[in-house]
Amino acid sequence: MYQSNFDEHVKPVLKKILLVFVLIIIALLVGQMIGFAIGGQNPFAVFLPSIWSHIINFLQ
């Protein structure tokens, strides 16, 4: 009985939450790529670890 309730009600909600989370991550990465391109840099440089360490240091 509990497994049926989980499959019918909880799984769809968890799938939607996961989908929203993945879409937010993709939107953030695309936004950073656009920002780098507008700034005159290589848009794919956003994936370099040195850029992320700079962003983390800036936020601290």
Foldseek 3Di string as FASTA:
>chain_A
DVVVVCVVPVVVVVVVVVVVVVVVVVVVLVVQLVVCVVVVHHSVCCPDPVVVVVVVVVVD
